[in-house]
Every structure is written in structure tokens, then in C-alpha cells.
């Protein structure tokens, strides 16, 4: 029985995505990482460990190209004896932090493409290309509490994450009908000290009513490190009951 595992991960070049990629390599997974820029340290870690880690430089605001390439890449492998194949949609984008009417249309479009369109396109490509595989298949969408709680000056990010939650519910219903259907989950990872948090804490007070809350969490040490958050997310992914709740929180 094969013990090889394949994980496809977006947003793997920094923050929690990079920490997940590093921990997956430590666990011996083959990786395909899709990010705007490759990470040299990740490539060096894979080389030193003798593991396969392919990195694609891709702007996920143009995800149709990435989805087409992913489908072809997976079809060429035809399973390759993997015990499991997993897609983790982790990449996200917050546009300028301001009321909706003050954000440029192009910035809104990019945020929704990266945060919602890309996960949907990549999930569709992954499910189609692996439909005939015998491997256990999983899709993990990294959501956010902001997809479940409205916040002023965060319309694009909140909408993208709410959409991610709901399309995951739909896909879960579809995959339940299949013989080797994928297990899917949209998971909120908790509050993490990443570049995105720095962006939120750097907002103009007049534009972001919740600024003090984010500054307070940092001051009180309430933010998880990317490394710790990645470990919790991957532990949730490994749970036997993964996918039993299509929308979940790592703190559940």
C-alpha cells in the first residue's frame, strides 16, 4: 500500500502558507505550491530532504490559467500510487481597507478573484482531474471568522470568505453522492500574526472602525504564530472526521 502523499497548496511563499508547506515537507509530502513568487528557503528544504516540491509563480487573480495547468499536471500523473491527494486553498487578498465606495473597482475585482474565484476554479480542476484516482481526496479551504461576522471596511474580504464557506457546503453535498467523493471543509484558522494582520493594524483610523480591536489583540499577545496556526490546521486536516462538518473552526 502506498504511503506517498500529494498536497497542492496556494499562498505557500509566506505566512501560514509557508509554515504549512514546511511542515508538510517535514512529514514527507510531495508538494505543488502556487504563489506569486517561489520561496527559495522552501526549495532548499525540499532539496535537502530529497523530496519533490514544485513551485509555480502565478497571480491567482488570473486563476483560469492556474486551474488549466493544474488539471493537465494532475492528469499526467494519473494518481502515481498516492495514498492521498489534497488541495489547500490558502491564498487570500485584502484590498485597501476602506468603505466599499472608496475602493477602486480593479482592486475589488482582484480581491474577489483571489479569494473566491481562484478556490472555486482550482477545486473544480482538482476534483475533475482526480475523479478516477483511488487515493483519498481532500479539499481544505482556509476561511476566516470575517466570512461569518460582518465588518465595516472589509466588504470584499468578508464576501469572499462567506462565498468560500457556502460553495464548500455545495461541493460537500455533491461529493457525498460519489463513490470516492472528496472530503471538503472550509476552516477558519483563528487569528494569526501575519502580513495581513500588519495591513489591518496599519489602516487609517477614519477608514477602519475595528482598528483598535486588531491593535489590542497584538498588544495582548492574542495572535497565534504562523507556525502554531499551521500545525493546528494540519492536525485538523488529519482528523478521521475531517469533512464531517463542511464549515468549521480550528478552535472547535
Protein backbone atom coordinates (compact mmCIF):
# COMPACT_ATOMS: atom_id res chain seq x y z
CA UNK A 1 0.00 0.00 0.00
CA UNK A 2 1.37 3.41 -0.97
CA UNK A 3 2.46 5.81 1.75
CA UNK A 4 3.10 8.74 -0.60
CA UNK A 5 1.00 11.86 -0.13
CA UNK A 6 0.49 14.77 -2.52
CA UNK A 7 -0.54 18.22 -1.35
CA UNK A 8 -1.30 21.21 -3.58
CA UNK A 9 -1.09 24.48 -1.67
CA UNK A 10 -1.77 28.08 -2.68
CA UNK A 11 -0.19 31.07 -0.98
CA UNK A 12 2.77 28.98 0.13
CA UNK A 13 5.51 31.61 -0.06
CA UNK A 14 4.92 33.34 3.27
CA UNK A 15 2.91 33.41 6.49
CA UNK A 16 0.85 30.41 7.48
CA UNK A 17 1.03 29.04 3.93
CA UNK A 18 4.82 28.84 4.13
CA UNK A 19 4.63 27.28 7.58
CA UNK A 20 2.20 24.63 6.29
CA UNK A 21 4.46 23.89 3.32
CA UNK A 22 7.47 23.46 5.62
CA UNK A 23 5.58 21.17 7.97
CA UNK A 24 4.20 19.11 5.08
CA UNK A 25 7.72 18.62 3.77
CA UNK A 26 8.79 17.57 7.27
CA UNK A 27 6.01 14.97 7.09
CA UNK A 28 7.32 13.69 3.74
CA UNK A 29 4.64 15.02 1.41
CA UNK A 30 5.19 15.78 -2.25
CA UNK A 31 4.21 19.42 -2.79
CA UNK A 32 2.94 21.62 -5.58
CA UNK A 33 2.92 25.23 -4.39
CA UNK A 34 1.16 28.03 -6.25
CA UNK A 35 2.14 31.55 -5.21
CA UNK A 36 3.03 34.88 -6.75
CA UNK A 37 6.70 34.20 -6.04
CA UNK A 38 8.62 30.98 -5.29
CA UNK A 39 10.24 30.67 -1.88
CA UNK A 40 13.94 29.81 -2.05
CA UNK A 41 14.11 28.50 1.50
CA UNK A 42 11.28 26.07 0.77
CA UNK A 43 13.06 24.83 -2.33
CA UNK A 44 16.26 24.35 -0.32
CA UNK A 45 14.42 22.41 2.39
CA UNK A 46 12.89 20.06 -0.19
CA UNK A 47 16.24 19.52 -1.91
CA UNK A 48 17.99 18.76 1.38
CA UNK A 49 15.27 16.25 2.26
CA UNK A 50 15.19 14.63 -1.17
CA UNK A 51 11.50 15.47 -1.55
CA UNK A 52 9.57 16.76 -4.53
CA UNK A 53 8.47 20.40 -4.20
CA UNK A 54 7.38 22.13 -7.37
CA UNK A 55 6.62 25.86 -7.18
CA UNK A 56 4.57 27.75 -9.74
CA UNK A 57 4.78 31.53 -9.91
CA UNK A 58 1.17 32.51 -10.55
CA UNK A 59 -1.01 35.55 -9.89
CA UNK A 60 -4.24 33.96 -8.68
CA UNK A 61 -6.18 37.00 -9.82
CA UNK A 62 -5.83 35.19 -13.16
CA UNK A 63 -6.71 31.77 -11.85
CA UNK A 64 -8.10 30.31 -15.07
CA UNK A 65 -4.52 29.70 -16.22
CA UNK A 66 -3.57 28.07 -12.93
CA UNK A 67 -6.65 25.84 -12.99
CA UNK A 68 -5.99 24.67 -16.55
CA UNK A 69 -2.34 23.96 -15.72
CA UNK A 70 -3.32 22.10 -12.56
CA UNK A 71 -5.79 19.88 -14.39
CA UNK A 72 -3.17 18.94 -17.00
CA UNK A 73 -0.48 18.38 -14.35
CA UNK A 74 -2.71 16.05 -12.35
CA UNK A 75 -3.94 14.16 -15.42
CA UNK A 76 -0.34 13.48 -16.42
CA UNK A 77 0.27 11.81 -13.07
CA UNK A 78 -2.82 9.60 -13.12
CA UNK A 79 -2.55 9.00 -9.38
CA UNK A 80 1.07 7.76 -9.36
CA UNK A 81 0.24 5.46 -6.48
CA UNK A 82 -0.53 8.21 -3.98
CA UNK A 83 -2.28 7.27 -0.76
CA UNK A 84 -3.86 10.73 -0.62
CA UNK A 85 -4.20 13.88 -2.69
CA UNK A 86 -5.12 17.16 -1.02
CA UNK A 87 -5.81 20.67 -2.27
CA UNK A 88 -5.39 23.51 0.26
CA UNK A 89 -6.76 26.84 -0.92
CA UNK A 90 -4.93 29.23 1.37
CA UNK A 91 -4.19 32.35 -0.69
CA UNK A 92 -6.15 35.49 0.10
CA UNK A 93 -6.05 39.21 -0.58
CA UNK A 94 -7.30 42.26 1.31
CA UNK A 95 -7.63 45.36 -0.89
CA UNK A 96 -7.34 48.86 0.51
CA UNK A 97 -9.01 48.97 3.92
CA UNK A 98 -11.84 51.42 3.41
CA UNK A 99 -15.61 51.60 2.85
CA UNK A 100 -16.74 49.85 -0.32
CA UNK A 101 -17.41 53.07 -2.21
CA UNK A 102 -13.82 54.21 -1.70
CA UNK A 103 -12.14 51.14 -3.20
CA UNK A 104 -11.16 51.03 -6.87
CA UNK A 105 -13.13 48.57 -8.98
CA UNK A 106 -9.96 46.80 -10.15
CA UNK A 107 -8.84 46.23 -6.56
CA UNK A 108 -12.22 44.80 -5.60
CA UNK A 109 -12.18 42.50 -8.60
CA UNK A 110 -8.71 41.19 -7.77
CA UNK A 111 -9.66 40.53 -4.14
CA UNK A 112 -12.70 38.50 -5.19
CA UNK A 113 -10.78 36.64 -7.87
CA UNK A 114 -8.02 35.60 -5.46
CA UNK A 115 -10.31 34.93 -2.51
CA UNK A 116 -13.26 33.22 -4.20
CA UNK A 117 -12.88 32.65 -7.93
CA UNK A 118 -9.45 31.02 -7.63
CA UNK A 119 -10.50 28.49 -4.95
CA UNK A 120 -13.58 27.56 -6.98
CA UNK A 121 -11.64 27.12 -10.23
CA UNK A 122 -8.82 25.18 -8.60
CA UNK A 123 -11.24 22.98 -6.65
CA UNK A 124 -13.16 22.18 -9.83
CA UNK A 125 -9.94 21.34 -11.69
CA UNK A 126 -8.69 19.18 -8.81
CA UNK A 127 -11.94 17.21 -8.50
CA UNK A 128 -12.23 16.58 -12.24
CA UNK A 129 -8.62 15.54 -12.70
CA UNK A 130 -8.56 13.17 -9.70
CA UNK A 131 -12.05 11.71 -10.10
CA UNK A 132 -10.67 8.34 -11.16
CA UNK A 133 -7.92 8.15 -8.56
CA UNK A 134 -8.12 5.53 -5.81
CA UNK A 135 -6.33 7.88 -3.40
CA UNK A 136 -8.21 9.53 -0.57
CA UNK A 137 -9.00 13.06 -1.73
CA UNK A 138 -9.48 16.17 0.39
CA UNK A 139 -10.09 19.86 -0.23
CA UNK A 140 -9.29 22.27 2.60
CA UNK A 141 -10.37 25.88 2.11
CA UNK A 142 -8.82 28.34 4.53
CA UNK A 143 -11.67 30.60 5.58
CA UNK A 144 -11.91 33.30 8.25
CA UNK A 145 -14.11 34.50 11.05
CA UNK A 146 -14.67 37.55 8.85
CA UNK A 147 -16.61 35.33 6.48
CA UNK A 148 -19.06 34.65 9.32
CA UNK A 149 -19.14 38.06 11.00
CA UNK A 150 -19.66 41.30 9.08
CA UNK A 151 -17.08 44.05 9.47
CA UNK A 152 -17.04 47.60 8.15
CA UNK A 153 -14.37 48.39 5.56
CA UNK A 154 -13.92 44.67 4.85
CA UNK A 155 -16.71 44.04 2.34
CA UNK A 156 -14.54 42.31 -0.26
CA UNK A 157 -12.67 40.02 2.12
CA UNK A 158 -15.80 39.17 4.13
CA UNK A 159 -17.74 38.43 0.94
CA UNK A 160 -15.00 36.23 -0.48
CA UNK A 161 -14.75 34.15 2.69
CA UNK A 162 -18.54 33.88 3.08
CA UNK A 163 -18.70 32.70 -0.53
CA UNK A 164 -15.94 30.19 0.17
CA UNK A 165 -17.91 28.77 3.09
CA UNK A 166 -21.06 28.39 1.05
CA UNK A 167 -19.53 26.92 -2.09
CA UNK A 168 -17.81 24.39 0.20
CA UNK A 169 -21.21 23.37 1.56
CA UNK A 170 -22.44 22.86 -2.00
CA UNK A 171 -19.41 20.79 -3.03
CA UNK A 172 -19.74 18.66 0.09
CA UNK A 173 -23.29 17.74 -0.93
CA UNK A 174 -22.09 16.88 -4.45
CA UNK A 175 -19.16 14.75 -3.30
CA UNK A 176 -21.37 12.80 -0.87
CA UNK A 177 -23.14 11.30 -3.89
CA UNK A 178 -19.93 9.87 -5.39
CA UNK A 179 -18.26 6.55 -4.77
CA UNK A 180 -14.88 8.05 -3.87
CA UNK A 181 -16.04 11.57 -3.24
CA UNK A 182 -13.63 14.07 -1.81
CA UNK A 183 -13.97 15.24 1.76
CA UNK A 184 -14.16 19.02 1.87
CA UNK A 185 -14.07 21.64 4.59
CA UNK A 186 -13.89 25.43 4.84
CA UNK A 187 -11.90 26.01 8.02
CA UNK A 188 -11.37 29.21 9.99
CA UNK A 189 -7.79 29.01 11.36
CA UNK A 190 -8.05 31.53 14.20
CA UNK A 191 -6.32 34.90 14.40
CA UNK A 192 -2.73 34.72 13.18
CA UNK A 193 0.14 37.21 13.25
CA UNK A 194 0.77 37.52 9.52
CA UNK A 195 1.37 40.28 6.98
CA UNK A 196 -2.40 40.54 6.63
CA UNK A 197 -2.68 41.44 10.31
CA UNK A 198 0.03 44.07 9.85
CA UNK A 199 -2.02 45.51 6.99
CA UNK A 200 -5.13 45.66 9.19
CA UNK A 201 -3.27 47.30 12.07
CA UNK A 202 -1.80 49.88 9.68
CA UNK A 203 -5.17 51.09 8.40
CA UNK A 204 -6.27 54.70 8.79
CA UNK A 205 -8.46 55.02 11.91
CA UNK A 206 -11.05 57.05 10.00
CA UNK A 207 -11.42 54.21 7.46
CA UNK A 208 -11.48 51.21 9.80
CA UNK A 209 -13.77 51.27 12.87
CA UNK A 210 -12.33 47.96 14.13
CA UNK A 211 -8.72 49.15 14.15
CA UNK A 212 -8.43 49.26 17.95
CA UNK A 213 -9.60 45.65 18.24
CA UNK A 214 -6.82 44.41 15.98
CA UNK A 215 -4.21 46.53 17.71
CA UNK A 216 -5.44 45.24 21.05
CA UNK A 217 -5.10 41.59 20.04
CA UNK A 218 -1.49 42.23 19.09
CA UNK A 219 -0.76 44.11 22.30
CA UNK A 220 -2.30 41.35 24.43
CA UNK A 221 -0.39 38.57 22.65
CA UNK A 222 -3.63 37.02 21.43
CA UNK A 223 -2.33 36.22 17.94
CA UNK A 224 -1.09 32.76 17.01
CA UNK A 225 2.25 32.43 15.26
CA UNK A 226 2.09 31.16 11.66
CA UNK A 227 3.95 28.03 12.77
CA UNK A 228 1.48 27.21 15.55
CA UNK A 229 -1.55 28.02 13.40
CA UNK A 230 -0.22 25.81 10.59
CA UNK A 231 0.25 22.91 13.00
CA UNK A 232 -3.34 23.23 14.24
CA UNK A 233 -4.74 23.44 10.72
CA UNK A 234 -2.79 20.39 9.54
CA UNK A 235 -3.84 18.47 12.65
CA UNK A 236 -7.47 19.26 11.81
CA UNK A 237 -6.88 18.12 8.22
CA UNK A 238 -5.54 14.80 9.52
CA UNK A 239 -8.53 14.13 11.77
CA UNK A 240 -10.53 10.99 10.92
CA UNK A 241 -13.71 13.08 10.88
CA UNK A 242 -12.34 15.74 8.52
CA UNK A 243 -15.15 16.84 6.23
CA UNK A 244 -17.98 15.76 8.54
CA UNK A 245 -18.60 19.50 9.02
CA UNK A 246 -18.17 21.33 5.71
CA UNK A 247 -17.75 24.67 7.53
CA UNK A 248 -15.73 24.58 10.72
CA UNK A 249 -13.35 26.43 13.02
CA UNK A 250 -9.98 25.05 14.07
CA UNK A 251 -10.89 26.00 17.64
CA UNK A 252 -13.95 23.71 17.62
